Amino acid sequence: MNNYKQALDLLSNGRMSLERLMRELGVSDPVTFKLWLDEERVYLKSLVREPAEETLQMEYWQRLVNLTGSRYVSIH
């Protein structure tokens, strides 16, 4: 239900929110967002594999999740 309310709010106030965020970020032209998307696409396509640091972060996170899950099962 909360997502629905957020979606309605975004639809009714989206333009004002976008204009406010553009001012806060110093973006004067909406075309900038397309440029950012294009840059991100080029970057992602250039990756042969995930950066080692991100891989290690995800492995660490997964081990924490596994540890938490195993502790929960063994305690309860």
Protein backbone atom coordinates (compact mmCIF):
# COMPACT_ATOMS: atom_id res chain seq x y z
CA MET A 1 0.00 0.00 0.00
CA ASN A 2 2.88 2.36 0.80
CA ASN A 3 4.38 1.91 -2.69
CA TYR A 4 1.03 2.85 -4.19
CA LYS A 5 0.92 6.07 -2.16
CA GLN A 6 4.51 6.87 -3.13
CA ALA A 7 3.67 6.29 -6.80
CA LEU A 8 0.66 8.60 -6.59
CA ASP A 9 2.77 11.25 -4.87
CA LEU A 10 5.47 10.93 -7.50
CA LEU A 11 2.92 11.27 -10.30
CA SER A 12 1.31 14.34 -8.75
CA ASN A 13 4.49 16.07 -7.53
CA GLY A 14 7.10 14.58 -9.84
CA ARG A 15 7.71 17.67 -11.93
CA MET A 16 8.24 19.89 -8.86
CA SER A 17 10.49 17.26 -7.28
CA LEU A 18 12.55 16.93 -10.45
CA GLU A 19 12.98 20.70 -10.75
CA ARG A 20 14.04 20.94 -7.08
CA LEU A 21 16.52 18.08 -7.45
CA MET A 22 17.94 19.61 -10.62
CA ARG A 23 18.58 22.85 -8.74
CA GLU A 24 20.20 20.96 -5.85
CA LEU A 25 22.45 19.01 -8.22
CA GLY A 26 23.28 22.03 -10.35
CA VAL A 27 21.71 20.47 -13.45
CA SER A 28 20.38 23.16 -15.77
CA ASP A 29 19.24 20.99 -18.69
CA PRO A 30 17.31 17.69 -18.53
CA VAL A 31 19.48 16.45 -21.42
CA THR A 32 22.18 16.00 -18.76
CA PHE A 33 20.28 12.95 -17.46
CA LYS A 34 20.46 11.29 -20.88
CA LEU A 35 24.18 12.04 -21.04
CA TRP A 36 24.66 10.45 -17.61
CA LEU A 37 22.74 7.37 -18.74
CA ASP A 38 24.83 7.13 -21.90
CA GLU A 39 28.05 7.43 -19.88
CA GLU A 40 26.87 4.73 -17.49
CA ARG A 41 25.95 2.46 -20.40
CA VAL A 42 29.41 2.89 -21.96
CA TYR A 43 31.05 2.19 -18.60
CA LEU A 44 28.99 -0.94 -17.96
CA LYS A 45 29.60 -2.28 -21.46
CA SER A 46 33.33 -1.73 -21.02
CA LEU A 47 33.49 -3.98 -17.98
CA VAL A 48 34.87 -7.39 -18.81
CA ARG A 49 33.97 -8.56 -15.33
CA GLU A 50 32.91 -6.99 -12.08
CA PRO A 51 35.61 -4.95 -10.33
CA ALA A 52 37.45 -7.04 -7.71
CA GLU A 53 36.47 -4.68 -4.89
CA GLU A 54 32.75 -5.02 -5.69
CA THR A 55 33.09 -8.80 -5.91
CA LEU A 56 34.74 -8.90 -2.48
CA GLN A 57 32.08 -6.63 -1.01
CA MET A 58 29.30 -8.87 -2.30
CA GLU A 59 31.05 -12.03 -1.03
CA TYR A 60 31.45 -10.41 2.39
CA TRP A 61 27.81 -9.35 2.44
CA GLN A 62 26.67 -12.85 1.41
CA ARG A 63 28.75 -14.42 4.18
CA LEU A 64 27.20 -12.04 6.72
CA VAL A 65 23.73 -12.99 5.50
CA ASN A 66 24.62 -16.68 5.72
CA LEU A 67 26.07 -16.22 9.21
CA THR A 68 23.01 -14.34 10.41
CA GLY A 69 20.74 -17.01 8.95
CA SER A 70 22.68 -19.86 10.51
CA ARG A 71 22.74 -18.16 13.92
CA TYR A 72 18.99 -17.56 13.74
CA VAL A 73 18.32 -21.20 12.95
CA SER A 74 20.62 -22.53 15.65
CA ILE A 75 19.25 -20.21 18.36
CA HIS A 76 15.59 -20.79 17.62
